[in-house]
């Protein structure tokens, strides 16, 4: 079940979910638009011939920080783990799902957070 904008406001007021730096202008009819942070971990495909977690062979990665206002380009074949600018959490009553939008959603790449905890 997804929460409506009214339900999101109600859950915020009850303390069931937490969105630090909540901005009502980013509240949508059935979602809330969070902001992407500026720190990323990217895979280095040119350094990863084999990845096998069972054998403890993990992908080679690089940490990247993008200055405010600077662009970040996601290239084909590169996996990216990013952070959110906003803190989003729950007391355990709800499951939080974070998904990419626009061109990311159309290319079926999704960012998912299965559960956050309120501070």
PDB file of N, CA and C in Angstrom:
ATOM      1  N   UNK A   1       0.836  -1.176   0.000  1.00  0.00           N
ATOM      2  CA  UNK A   1       0.000   0.000   0.000  1.00  0.00           C
ATOM      3  C   UNK A   1       0.885   1.244   0.000  1.00  0.00           C
ATOM      4  N   UNK A   2       0.590   2.173  -0.873  1.00  0.00           N
ATOM      5  CA  UNK A   2       1.299   3.444  -0.909  1.00  0.00           C
ATOM      6  C   UNK A   2       0.508   4.474  -0.100  1.00  0.00           C
ATOM      7  N   UNK A   3       1.202   5.390   0.510  1.00  0.00           N
ATOM      8  CA  UNK A   3       0.540   6.443   1.272  1.00  0.00           C
ATOM      9  C   UNK A   3       0.197   7.608   0.364  1.00  0.00           C
ATOM     10  N   UNK A   4      -0.967   8.176   0.571  1.00  0.00           N
ATOM     11  CA  UNK A   4      -1.343   9.396  -0.141  1.00  0.00           C
ATOM     12  C   UNK A   4      -0.649  10.581   0.527  1.00  0.00           C
ATOM     13  N   UNK A   5      -0.738  11.734  -0.088  1.00  0.00           N
ATOM     14  CA  UNK A   5      -0.147  12.929   0.512  1.00  0.00           C
ATOM     15  C   UNK A   5      -0.742  13.205   1.896  1.00  0.00           C
ATOM     16  N   UNK A   6      -2.039  12.983   2.040  1.00  0.00           N
ATOM     17  CA  UNK A   6      -2.706  13.173   3.335  1.00  0.00           C
ATOM     18  C   UNK A   6      -2.166  12.169   4.355  1.00  0.00           C
ATOM     19  N   UNK A   7      -1.996  10.913   3.922  1.00  0.00           N
ATOM     20  CA  UNK A   7      -1.466   9.880   4.815  1.00  0.00           C
ATOM     21  C   UNK A   7      -0.014  10.169   5.204  1.00  0.00           C
ATOM     22  N   UNK A   8       0.771  10.687   4.264  1.00  0.00           N
ATOM     23  CA  UNK A   8       2.163  11.035   4.559  1.00  0.00           C
ATOM     24  C   UNK A   8       2.211  12.118   5.630  1.00  0.00           C
ATOM     25  N   UNK A   9       1.380  13.150   5.468  1.00  0.00           N
ATOM     26  CA  UNK A   9       1.328  14.215   6.480  1.00  0.00           C
ATOM     27  C   UNK A   9       0.903  13.673   7.840  1.00  0.00           C
ATOM     28  N   UNK A  10      -0.075  12.788   7.835  1.00  0.00           N
ATOM     29  CA  UNK A  10      -0.572  12.198   9.083  1.00  0.00           C
ATOM     30  C   UNK A  10       0.525  11.354   9.747  1.00  0.00           C
ATOM     31  N   UNK A  11       1.244  10.562   8.956  1.00  0.00           N
ATOM     32  CA  UNK A  11       2.321   9.722   9.499  1.00  0.00           C
ATOM     33  C   UNK A  11       3.482  10.565  10.008  1.00  0.00           C
ATOM     34  N   UNK A  12       3.764  11.684   9.349  1.00  0.00           N
ATOM     35  CA  UNK A  12       4.794  12.609   9.837  1.00  0.00           C
ATOM     36  C   UNK A  12       4.396  13.181  11.195  1.00  0.00           C
ATOM     37  N   UNK A  13       3.149  13.622  11.302  1.00  0.00           N
ATOM     38  CA  UNK A  13       2.660  14.214  12.548  1.00  0.00           C
ATOM     39  C   UNK A  13       2.660  13.203  13.692  1.00  0.00           C
ATOM     40  N   UNK A  14       2.384  11.940  13.376  1.00  0.00           N
ATOM     41  CA  UNK A  14       2.339  10.895  14.404  1.00  0.00           C
ATOM     42  C   UNK A  14       3.730  10.372  14.758  1.00  0.00           C
ATOM     43  N   UNK A  15       4.737  10.758  13.973  1.00  0.00           N
ATOM     44  CA  UNK A  15       6.086  10.266  14.227  1.00  0.00           C
ATOM     45  C   UNK A  15       6.351   8.882  13.659  1.00  0.00           C
ATOM     46  N   UNK A  16       5.447   8.398  12.803  1.00  0.00           N
ATOM     47  CA  UNK A  16       5.634   7.076  12.193  1.00  0.00           C
ATOM     48  C   UNK A  16       6.669   7.107  11.073  1.00  0.00           C
ATOM     49  N   UNK A  17       6.818   8.252  10.413  1.00  0.00           N
ATOM     50  CA  UNK A  17       7.886   8.444   9.441  1.00  0.00           C
ATOM     51  C   UNK A  17       8.568   9.774   9.743  1.00  0.00           C
ATOM     52  N   UNK A  18       9.805   9.890   9.297  1.00  0.00           N
ATOM     53  CA  UNK A  18      10.581  11.103   9.515  1.00  0.00           C
ATOM     54  C   UNK A  18      11.205  11.509   8.194  1.00  0.00           C
ATOM     55  N   UNK A  19      11.015  12.748   7.818  1.00  0.00           N
ATOM     56  CA  UNK A  19      11.682  13.323   6.653  1.00  0.00           C
ATOM     57  C   UNK A  19      12.302  14.618   7.144  1.00  0.00           C
ATOM     58  N   UNK A  20      13.632  14.590   7.323  1.00  0.00           N
ATOM     59  CA  UNK A  20      14.304  15.802   7.788  1.00  0.00           C
ATOM     60  C   UNK A  20      14.442  16.774   6.629  1.00  0.00           C
ATOM     61  N   UNK A  21      14.197  18.023   6.909  1.00  0.00           N
ATOM     62  CA  UNK A  21      14.105  19.088   5.910  1.00  0.00           C
ATOM     63  C   UNK A  21      12.876  18.892   5.025  1.00  0.00           C
ATOM     64  N   UNK A  22      11.772  18.425   5.636  1.00  0.00           N
ATOM     65  CA  UNK A  22      10.520  18.236   4.897  1.00  0.00           C
ATOM     66  C   UNK A  22      10.116  19.544   4.235  1.00  0.00           C
ATOM     67  N   UNK A  23       9.774  19.457   2.952  1.00  0.00           N
ATOM     68  CA  UNK A  23       9.352  20.611   2.169  1.00  0.00           C
ATOM     69  C   UNK A  23       8.040  20.237   1.485  1.00  0.00           C
ATOM     70  N   UNK A  24       6.957  20.850   1.913  1.00  0.00           N
ATOM     71  CA  UNK A  24       5.640  20.482   1.390  1.00  0.00           C
ATOM     72  C   UNK A  24       5.528  20.628  -0.121  1.00  0.00           C
ATOM     73  N   UNK A  25       6.343  21.492  -0.729  1.00  0.00           N
ATOM     74  CA  UNK A  25       6.291  21.654  -2.190  1.00  0.00           C
ATOM     75  C   UNK A  25       6.774  20.395  -2.922  1.00  0.00           C
ATOM     76  N   UNK A  26       7.464  19.500  -2.219  1.00  0.00           N
ATOM     77  CA  UNK A  26       7.930  18.249  -2.842  1.00  0.00           C
ATOM     78  C   UNK A  26       6.995  17.078  -2.564  1.00  0.00           C
ATOM     79  N   UNK A  27       5.902  17.345  -1.859  1.00  0.00           N
ATOM     80  CA  UNK A  27       4.903  16.309  -1.574  1.00  0.00           C
ATOM     81  C   UNK A  27       4.015  16.134  -2.807  1.00  0.00           C
ATOM     82  N   UNK A  28       3.928  14.891  -3.282  1.00  0.00           N
ATOM     83  CA  UNK A  28       3.116  14.559  -4.453  1.00  0.00           C
ATOM     84  C   UNK A  28       1.866  13.807  -3.994  1.00  0.00           C
ATOM     85  N   UNK A  29       0.898  13.547  -4.897  1.00  0.00           N
ATOM     86  CA  UNK A  29      -0.336  12.864  -4.482  1.00  0.00           C
ATOM     87  C   UNK A  29      -0.120  11.511  -3.802  1.00  0.00           C
ATOM     88  N   UNK A  30       0.935  10.777  -4.171  1.00  0.00           N
ATOM     89  CA  UNK A  30       1.171   9.473  -3.536  1.00  0.00           C
ATOM     90  C   UNK A  30       2.665   9.228  -3.311  1.00  0.00           C
ATOM     91  N   UNK A  31       3.429  10.309  -3.108  1.00  0.00           N
ATOM     92  CA  UNK A  31       4.868  10.146  -2.881  1.00  0.00           C
ATOM     93  C   UNK A  31       5.454  11.460  -2.373  1.00  0.00           C
ATOM     94  N   UNK A  32       6.738  11.401  -2.055  1.00  0.00           N
ATOM     95  CA  UNK A  32       7.475  12.589  -1.654  1.00  0.00           C
ATOM     96  C   UNK A  32       8.784  12.591  -2.439  1.00  0.00           C
ATOM     97  N   UNK A  33       9.105  13.697  -3.069  1.00  0.00           N
ATOM     98  CA  UNK A  33      10.321  13.814  -3.865  1.00  0.00           C
ATOM     99  C   UNK A  33      11.500  14.166  -2.966  1.00  0.00           C
ATOM    100  N   UNK A  34      12.409  13.207  -2.773  1.00  0.00           N
ATOM    101  CA  UNK A  34      13.609  13.485  -1.990  1.00  0.00           C
ATOM    102  C   UNK A  34      14.684  14.035  -2.917  1.00  0.00           C
ATOM    103  N   UNK A  35      15.703  14.617  -2.318  1.00  0.00           N
ATOM    104  CA  UNK A  35      16.812  15.152  -3.099  1.00  0.00           C
ATOM    105  C   UNK A  35      17.992  14.188  -3.040  1.00  0.00           C
ATOM    106  N   UNK A  36      18.650  14.006  -4.168  1.00  0.00           N
ATOM    107  CA  UNK A  36      19.828  13.170  -4.242  1.00  0.00           C
ATOM    108  C   UNK A  36      21.010  13.931  -3.681  1.00  0.00           C
ATOM    109  N   UNK A  37      21.827  13.253  -2.889  1.00  0.00           N
ATOM    110  CA  UNK A  37      23.020  13.875  -2.327  1.00  0.00           C
ATOM    111  C   UNK A  37      24.122  13.995  -3.372  1.00  0.00           C
ATOM    112  N   UNK A  38      25.316  14.364  -2.918  1.00  0.00           N
ATOM    113  CA  UNK A  38      26.404  14.574  -3.867  1.00  0.00           C
ATOM    114  C   UNK A  38      27.554  13.584  -3.696  1.00  0.00           C
ATOM    115  N   UNK A  39      27.338  12.517  -2.935  1.00  0.00           N
ATOM    116  CA  UNK A  39      28.369  11.493  -2.762  1.00  0.00           C
ATOM    117  C   UNK A  39      27.896  10.190  -3.390  1.00  0.00           C
ATOM    118  N   UNK A  40      28.792   9.554  -4.141  1.00  0.00           N
ATOM    119  CA  UNK A  40      28.463   8.338  -4.865  1.00  0.00           C
ATOM    120  C   UNK A  40      29.592   7.323  -4.744  1.00  0.00           C
ATOM    121  N   UNK A  41      29.236   6.055  -4.845  1.00  0.00           N
ATOM    122  CA  UNK A  41      30.213   4.994  -5.031  1.00  0.00           C
ATOM    123  C   UNK A  41      29.874   4.373  -6.382  1.00  0.00           C
ATOM    124  N   UNK A  42      30.836   4.368  -7.284  1.00  0.00           N
ATOM    125  CA  UNK A  42      30.603   3.830  -8.623  1.00  0.00           C
ATOM    126  C   UNK A  42      31.480   2.603  -8.843  1.00  0.00           C
ATOM    127  N   UNK A  43      30.957   1.658  -9.631  1.00  0.00           N
ATOM    128  CA  UNK A  43      31.775   0.504  -9.996  1.00  0.00           C
ATOM    129  C   UNK A  43      32.727   0.919 -11.111  1.00  0.00           C
ATOM    130  N   UNK A  44      33.841   0.234 -11.189  1.00  0.00           N
ATOM    131  CA  UNK A  44      34.844   0.470 -12.237  1.00  0.00           C
ATOM    132  C   UNK A  44      34.835  -0.748 -13.156  1.00  0.00           C
ATOM    133  N   UNK A  45      33.964  -0.760 -14.185  1.00  0.00           N
ATOM    134  CA  UNK A  45      33.810  -1.960 -15.012  1.00  0.00           C
ATOM    135  C   UNK A  45      35.103  -2.402 -15.694  1.00  0.00           C
ATOM    136  N   UNK A  46      35.987  -1.455 -15.979  1.00  0.00           N
ATOM    137  CA  UNK A  46      37.247  -1.827 -16.632  1.00  0.00           C
ATOM    138  C   UNK A  46      38.164  -2.617 -15.702  1.00  0.00           C
ATOM    139  N   UNK A  47      37.886  -2.574 -14.386  1.00  0.00           N
ATOM    140  CA  UNK A  47      38.695  -3.297 -13.403  1.00  0.00           C
ATOM    141  C   UNK A  47      38.004  -4.558 -12.884  1.00  0.00           C
ATOM    142  N   UNK A  48      36.790  -4.815 -13.368  1.00  0.00           N
ATOM    143  CA  UNK A  48      35.987  -5.922 -12.845  1.00  0.00           C
ATOM    144  C   UNK A  48      35.725  -6.962 -13.929  1.00  0.00           C
ATOM    145  N   UNK A  49      36.643  -7.894 -14.073  1.00  0.00           N
ATOM    146  CA  UNK A  49      36.418  -8.950 -15.053  1.00  0.00           C
ATOM    147  C   UNK A  49      35.511 -10.032 -14.485  1.00  0.00           C
ATOM    148  N   UNK A  50      35.654 -10.299 -13.184  1.00  0.00           N
ATOM    149  CA  UNK A  50      34.836 -11.313 -12.516  1.00  0.00           C
ATOM    150  C   UNK A  50      34.376 -10.747 -11.180  1.00  0.00           C
ATOM    151  N   UNK A  51      33.086 -10.941 -10.891  1.00  0.00           N
ATOM    152  CA  UNK A  51      32.529 -10.592  -9.584  1.00  0.00           C
ATOM    153  C   UNK A  51      31.844 -11.838  -9.068  1.00  0.00           C
ATOM    154  N   UNK A  52      32.242 -12.295  -7.886  1.00  0.00           N
ATOM    155  CA  UNK A  52      31.664 -13.502  -7.308  1.00  0.00           C
ATOM    156  C   UNK A  52      31.648 -13.360  -5.784  1.00  0.00           C
ATOM    157  N   UNK A  53      30.560 -12.833  -5.226  1.00  0.00           N
ATOM    158  CA  UNK A  53      30.496 -12.647  -3.772  1.00  0.00           C
ATOM    159  C   UNK A  53      30.704 -13.928  -2.974  1.00  0.00           C
ATOM    160  N   UNK A  54      30.303 -15.072  -3.531  1.00  0.00           N
ATOM    161  CA  UNK A  54      30.490 -16.341  -2.826  1.00  0.00           C
ATOM    162  C   UNK A  54      31.976 -16.604  -2.593  1.00  0.00           C
ATOM    163  N   UNK A  55      32.798 -16.233  -3.577  1.00  0.00           N
ATOM    164  CA  UNK A  55      34.246 -16.423  -3.462  1.00  0.00           C
ATOM    165  C   UNK A  55      34.951 -15.170  -2.949  1.00  0.00           C
ATOM    166  N   UNK A  56      34.170 -14.235  -2.404  1.00  0.00           N
ATOM    167  CA  UNK A  56      34.712 -12.993  -1.850  1.00  0.00           C
ATOM    168  C   UNK A  56      35.422 -12.140  -2.907  1.00  0.00           C
ATOM    169  N   UNK A  57      34.950 -12.220  -4.161  1.00  0.00           N
ATOM    170  CA  UNK A  57      35.485 -11.372  -5.238  1.00  0.00           C
ATOM    171  C   UNK A  57      34.448 -10.282  -5.483  1.00  0.00           C
ATOM    172  N   UNK A  58      34.722  -9.101  -4.954  1.00  0.00           N
ATOM    173  CA  UNK A  58      33.774  -7.999  -5.020  1.00  0.00           C
ATOM    174  C   UNK A  58      34.194  -6.998  -6.094  1.00  0.00           C
ATOM    175  N   UNK A  59      33.259  -6.176  -6.561  1.00  0.00           N
ATOM    176  CA  UNK A  59      33.609  -5.210  -7.609  1.00  0.00           C
ATOM    177  C   UNK A  59      34.569  -4.138  -7.089  1.00  0.00           C
ATOM    178  N   UNK A  60      35.433  -3.700  -7.973  1.00  0.00           N
ATOM    179  CA  UNK A  60      36.306  -2.572  -7.661  1.00  0.00           C
ATOM    180  C   UNK A  60      35.444  -1.313  -7.786  1.00  0.00           C
ATOM    181  N   UNK A  61      35.555  -0.442  -6.809  1.00  0.00           N
ATOM    182  CA  UNK A  61      34.718   0.761  -6.791  1.00  0.00           C
ATOM    183  C   UNK A  61      35.559   2.006  -6.576  1.00  0.00           C
ATOM    184  N   UNK A  62      34.910   3.124  -6.774  1.00  0.00           N
ATOM    185  CA  UNK A  62      35.547   4.422  -6.565  1.00  0.00           C
ATOM    186  C   UNK A  62      34.530   5.337  -5.896  1.00  0.00           C
ATOM    187  N   UNK A  63      34.977   6.052  -4.854  1.00  0.00           N
ATOM    188  CA  UNK A  63      34.103   7.039  -4.230  1.00  0.00           C
ATOM    189  C   UNK A  63      34.240   8.350  -4.991  1.00  0.00           C
ATOM    190  N   UNK A  64      33.116   9.017  -5.151  1.00  0.00           N
ATOM    191  CA  UNK A  64      33.081  10.234  -5.936  1.00  0.00           C
ATOM    192  C   UNK A  64      32.225  11.265  -5.223  1.00  0.00           C
ATOM    193  N   UNK A  65      32.686  12.486  -5.162  1.00  0.00           N
ATOM    194  CA  UNK A  65      31.886  13.574  -4.597  1.00  0.00           C
ATOM    195  C   UNK A  65      31.752  14.655  -5.653  1.00  0.00           C
ATOM    196  N   UNK A  66      30.514  15.028  -5.924  1.00  0.00           N
ATOM    197  CA  UNK A  66      30.213  16.025  -6.944  1.00  0.00           C
ATOM    198  C   UNK A  66      29.907  17.344  -6.251  1.00  0.00           C
ATOM    199  N   UNK A  67      30.531  18.409  -6.694  1.00  0.00           N
ATOM    200  CA  UNK A  67      30.288  19.726  -6.099  1.00  0.00           C
ATOM    201  C   UNK A  67      28.848  20.166  -6.358  1.00  0.00           C
ATOM    202  N   UNK A  68      28.303  20.954  -5.445  1.00  0.00           N
ATOM    203  CA  UNK A  68      26.945  21.484  -5.618  1.00  0.00           C
ATOM    204  C   UNK A  68      26.847  22.196  -6.966  1.00  0.00           C
ATOM    205  N   UNK A  69      25.797  21.868  -7.704  1.00  0.00           N
ATOM    206  CA  UNK A  69      25.570  22.488  -9.002  1.00  0.00           C
ATOM    207  C   UNK A  69      26.283  21.798 -10.152  1.00  0.00           C
ATOM    208  N   UNK A  70      27.207  20.883  -9.855  1.00  0.00           N
ATOM    209  CA  UNK A  70      27.927  20.167 -10.893  1.00  0.00           C
ATOM    210  C   UNK A  70      27.104  18.966 -11.343  1.00  0.00           C
ATOM    211  N   UNK A  71      27.239  18.571 -12.602  1.00  0.00           N
ATOM    212  CA  UNK A  71      26.495  17.434 -13.131  1.00  0.00           C
ATOM    213  C   UNK A  71      27.185  16.114 -12.803  1.00  0.00           C
ATOM    214  N   UNK A  72      26.391  15.071 -12.704  1.00  0.00           N
ATOM    215  CA  UNK A  72      26.896  13.707 -12.570  1.00  0.00           C
ATOM    216  C   UNK A  72      26.262  12.902 -13.690  1.00  0.00           C
ATOM    217  N   UNK A  73      27.073  12.283 -14.528  1.00  0.00           N
ATOM    218  CA  UNK A  73      26.575  11.516 -15.668  1.00  0.00           C
ATOM    219  C   UNK A  73      26.693  10.031 -15.350  1.00  0.00           C
ATOM    220  N   UNK A  74      25.585   9.330 -15.476  1.00  0.00           N
ATOM    221  CA  UNK A  74      25.550   7.891 -15.263  1.00  0.00           C
ATOM    222  C   UNK A  74      25.801   7.217 -16.607  1.00  0.00           C
ATOM    223  N   UNK A  75      26.891   6.469 -16.709  1.00  0.00           N
ATOM    224  CA  UNK A  75      27.269   5.813 -17.962  1.00  0.00           C
ATOM    225  C   UNK A  75      26.777   4.370 -17.997  1.00  0.00           C
ATOM    226  N   UNK A  76      26.497   3.834 -19.200  1.00  0.00           N
ATOM    227  CA  UNK A  76      26.065   2.442 -19.315  1.00  0.00           C
ATOM    228  C   UNK A  76      27.103   1.496 -18.712  1.00  0.00           C
ATOM    229  N   UNK A  77      26.633   0.462 -18.046  1.00  0.00           N
ATOM    230  CA  UNK A  77      27.507  -0.549 -17.474  1.00  0.00           C
ATOM    231  C   UNK A  77      28.109  -0.184 -16.137  1.00  0.00           C
ATOM    232  N   UNK A  78      27.843   1.019 -15.649  1.00  0.00           N
ATOM    233  CA  UNK A  78      28.382   1.460 -14.370  1.00  0.00           C
ATOM    234  C   UNK A  78      27.258   1.449 -13.339  1.00  0.00           C
ATOM    235  N   UNK A  79      27.480   0.752 -12.245  1.00  0.00           N
ATOM    236  CA  UNK A  79      26.504   0.756 -11.161  1.00  0.00           C
ATOM    237  C   UNK A  79      26.858   1.872 -10.194  1.00  0.00           C
ATOM    238  N   UNK A  80      25.831   2.502  -9.652  1.00  0.00           N
ATOM    239  CA  UNK A  80      26.041   3.644  -8.763  1.00  0.00           C
ATOM    240  C   UNK A  80      25.247   3.450  -7.481  1.00  0.00           C
ATOM    241  N   UNK A  81      25.903   3.707  -6.371  1.00  0.00           N
ATOM    242  CA  UNK A  81      25.233   3.754  -5.080  1.00  0.00           C
ATOM    243  C   UNK A  81      25.336   5.190  -4.610  1.00  0.00           C
ATOM    244  N   UNK A  82      24.209   5.828  -4.409  1.00  0.00           N
ATOM    245  CA  UNK A  82      24.206   7.228  -3.997  1.00  0.00           C
ATOM    246  C   UNK A  82      23.576   7.406  -2.633  1.00  0.00           C
ATOM    247  N   UNK A  83      23.704   8.592  -2.100  1.00  0.00           N
ATOM    248  CA  UNK A  83      23.065   8.929  -0.834  1.00  0.00           C
ATOM    249  C   UNK A  83      21.979   9.961  -1.102  1.00  0.00           C
ATOM    250  N   UNK A  84      21.084  10.076  -0.162  1.00  0.00           N
ATOM    251  CA  UNK A  84      20.061  11.100  -0.271  1.00  0.00           C
ATOM    252  C   UNK A  84      20.505  12.335   0.503  1.00  0.00           C
ATOM    253  N   UNK A  85      20.053  13.472   0.055  1.00  0.00           N
ATOM    254  CA  UNK A  85      20.296  14.719   0.789  1.00  0.00           C
ATOM    255  C   UNK A  85      19.419  14.751   2.034  1.00  0.00           C
ATOM    256  N   UNK A  86      18.184  14.314   1.867  1.00  0.00           N
ATOM    257  CA  UNK A  86      17.220  14.276   2.963  1.00  0.00           C
ATOM    258  C   UNK A  86      17.421  13.012   3.784  1.00  0.00           C
ATOM    259  N   UNK A  87      17.160  13.095   5.090  1.00  0.00           N
ATOM    260  CA  UNK A  87      17.107  11.888   5.905  1.00  0.00           C
ATOM    261  C   UNK A  87      15.669  11.409   5.902  1.00  0.00           C
ATOM    262  N   UNK A  88      15.471  10.148   5.546  1.00  0.00           N
ATOM    263  CA  UNK A  88      14.141   9.551   5.507  1.00  0.00           C
ATOM    264  C   UNK A  88      14.180   8.314   6.386  1.00  0.00           C
ATOM    265  N   UNK A  89      13.243   8.210   7.325  1.00  0.00           N
ATOM    266  CA  UNK A  89      13.242   7.066   8.226  1.00  0.00           C
ATOM    267  C   UNK A  89      11.843   6.708   8.680  1.00  0.00           C
ATOM    268  N   UNK A  90      11.763   5.612   9.400  1.00  0.00           N
ATOM    269  CA  UNK A  90      10.489   5.122   9.905  1.00  0.00           C
ATOM    270  C   UNK A  90      10.709   4.465  11.263  1.00  0.00           C
ATOM    271  N   UNK A  91       9.665   4.375  12.027  1.00  0.00           N
ATOM    272  CA  UNK A  91       9.755   3.687  13.319  1.00  0.00           C
ATOM    273  C   UNK A  91       9.499   2.193  13.159  1.00  0.00           C
ATOM    274  N   UNK A  92       9.412   1.722  11.944  1.00  0.00           N
ATOM    275  CA  UNK A  92       9.176   0.308  11.676  1.00  0.00           C
ATOM    276  C   UNK A  92       7.760   0.000  11.237  1.00  0.00           C
ATOM    277  N   UNK A  93       6.881   0.972  11.322  1.00  0.00           N
ATOM    278  CA  UNK A  93       5.483   0.758  10.934  1.00  0.00           C
ATOM    279  C   UNK A  93       5.324   0.692   9.415  1.00  0.00           C
ATOM    280  N   UNK A  94       6.190   1.406   8.687  1.00  0.00           N
ATOM    281  CA  UNK A  94       6.085   1.464   7.228  1.00  0.00           C
ATOM    282  C   UNK A  94       7.374   1.002   6.567  1.00  0.00           C
ATOM    283  N   UNK A  95       7.256   0.562   5.348  1.00  0.00           N
ATOM    284  CA  UNK A  95       8.386   0.222   4.503  1.00  0.00           C
ATOM    285  C   UNK A  95       8.612   1.408   3.568  1.00  0.00           C
ATOM    286  N   UNK A  96       9.844   1.847   3.435  1.00  0.00           N
ATOM    287  CA  UNK A  96      10.153   2.985   2.577  1.00  0.00           C
ATOM    288  C   UNK A  96      10.786   2.476   1.299  1.00  0.00           C
ATOM    289  N   UNK A  97      10.287   2.929   0.166  1.00  0.00           N
ATOM    290  CA  UNK A  97      10.840   2.566  -1.128  1.00  0.00           C
ATOM    291  C   UNK A  97      11.280   3.835  -1.838  1.00  0.00           C
ATOM    292  N   UNK A  98      12.526   3.837  -2.293  1.00  0.00           N
ATOM    293  CA  UNK A  98      13.044   4.992  -3.019  1.00  0.00           C
ATOM    294  C   UNK A  98      13.347   4.537  -4.437  1.00  0.00           C
ATOM    295  N   UNK A  99      12.764   5.205  -5.414  1.00  0.00           N
ATOM    296  CA  UNK A  99      12.930   4.820  -6.816  1.00  0.00           C
ATOM    297  C   UNK A  99      13.415   5.999  -7.629  1.00  0.00           C
ATOM    298  N   UNK A 100      14.245   5.706  -8.631  1.00  0.00           N
ATOM    299  CA  UNK A 100      14.688   6.738  -9.564  1.00  0.00           C
ATOM    300  C   UNK A 100      13.549   7.165 -10.455  1.00  0.00           C
ATOM    301  N   UNK A 101      13.664   8.345 -11.026  1.00  0.00           N
ATOM    302  CA  UNK A 101      12.611   8.891 -11.871  1.00  0.00           C
ATOM    303  C   UNK A 101      13.135   9.159 -13.271  1.00  0.00           C
ATOM    304  N   UNK A 102      12.237   9.579 -14.105  1.00  0.00           N
ATOM    305  CA  UNK A 102      12.547  10.076 -15.430  1.00  0.00           C
ATOM    306  C   UNK A 102      13.354   9.059 -16.223  1.00  0.00           C
ATOM    307  N   UNK A 103      14.502   9.473 -16.754  1.00  0.00           N
ATOM    308  CA  UNK A 103      15.266   8.570 -17.615  1.00  0.00           C
ATOM    309  C   UNK A 103      15.732   7.342 -16.857  1.00  0.00           C
ATOM    310  N   UNK A 104      16.000   7.470 -15.561  1.00  0.00           N
ATOM    311  CA  UNK A 104      16.407   6.305 -14.775  1.00  0.00           C
ATOM    312  C   UNK A 104      15.277   5.295 -14.695  1.00  0.00           C
ATOM    313  N   UNK A 105      14.078   5.761 -14.437  1.00  0.00           N
ATOM    314  CA  UNK A 105      12.940   4.848 -14.330  1.00  0.00           C
ATOM    315  C   UNK A 105      12.652   4.202 -15.677  1.00  0.00           C
ATOM    316  N   UNK A 106      12.756   4.966 -16.751  1.00  0.00           N
ATOM    317  CA  UNK A 106      12.483   4.407 -18.081  1.00  0.00           C
ATOM    318  C   UNK A 106      13.492   3.336 -18.451  1.00  0.00           C
ATOM    319  N   UNK A 107      14.723   3.448 -17.972  1.00  0.00           N
ATOM    320  CA  UNK A 107      15.737   2.435 -18.298  1.00  0.00           C
ATOM    321  C   UNK A 107      15.733   1.304 -17.274  1.00  0.00           C
ATOM    322  N   UNK A 108      14.715   1.302 -16.389  1.00  0.00           N
ATOM    323  CA  UNK A 108      14.501   0.247 -15.403  1.00  0.00           C
ATOM    324  C   UNK A 108      15.589   0.172 -14.339  1.00  0.00           C
ATOM    325  N   UNK A 109      16.274   1.265 -14.101  1.00  0.00           N
ATOM    326  CA  UNK A 109      17.242   1.298 -13.013  1.00  0.00           C
ATOM    327  C   UNK A 109      16.535   1.916 -11.822  1.00  0.00           C
ATOM    328  N   UNK A 110      16.618   1.261 -10.702  1.00  0.00           N
ATOM    329  CA  UNK A 110      15.920   1.744  -9.522  1.00  0.00           C
ATOM    330  C   UNK A 110      16.864   1.815  -8.339  1.00  0.00           C
ATOM    331  N   UNK A 111      16.611   2.799  -7.518  1.00  0.00           N
ATOM    332  CA  UNK A 111      17.325   2.902  -6.253  1.00  0.00           C
ATOM    333  C   UNK A 111      16.320   2.509  -5.182  1.00  0.00           C
ATOM    334  N   UNK A 112      16.649   1.541  -4.396  1.00  0.00           N
ATOM    335  CA  UNK A 112      15.706   1.056  -3.402  1.00  0.00           C
ATOM    336  C   UNK A 112      16.309   1.115  -2.010  1.00  0.00           C
ATOM    337  N   UNK A 113      15.500   1.540  -1.112  1.00  0.00           N
ATOM    338  CA  UNK A 113      15.865   1.491   0.301  1.00  0.00           C
ATOM    339  C   UNK A 113      14.750   0.720   0.964  1.00  0.00           C
ATOM    340  N   UNK A 114      15.079  -0.403   1.523  1.00  0.00           N
ATOM    341  CA  UNK A 114      14.014  -1.258   2.031  1.00  0.00           C
ATOM    342  C   UNK A 114      13.516  -0.861   3.399  1.00  0.00           C
ATOM    343  N   UNK A 115      14.384  -0.228   4.186  1.00  0.00           N
ATOM    344  CA  UNK A 115      13.887   0.167   5.494  1.00  0.00           C
ATOM    345  C   UNK A 115      14.839   1.181   6.115  1.00  0.00           C
ATOM    346  N   UNK A 116      14.291   2.217   6.659  1.00  0.00           N
ATOM    347  CA  UNK A 116      15.086   3.198   7.375  1.00  0.00           C
ATOM    348  C   UNK A 116      14.632   3.238   8.820  1.00  0.00           C
ATOM    349  N   UNK A 117      15.440   3.769   9.676  1.00  0.00           N
ATOM    350  CA  UNK A 117      15.063   3.891  11.082  1.00  0.00           C
ATOM    351  C   UNK A 117      15.106   5.351  11.466  1.00  0.00           C
ATOM    352  N   UNK A 118      14.100   5.769  12.176  1.00  0.00           N
ATOM    353  CA  UNK A 118      14.059   7.152  12.657  1.00  0.00           C
ATOM    354  C   UNK A 118      15.194   7.370  13.648  1.00  0.00           C
ATOM    355  N   UNK A 119      15.730   8.560  13.639  1.00  0.00           N
ATOM    356  CA  UNK A 119      16.821   8.888  14.555  1.00  0.00           C
ATOM    357  C   UNK A 119      16.320   9.092  15.950  1.00  0.00           C
TER     358      UNK A 119
END
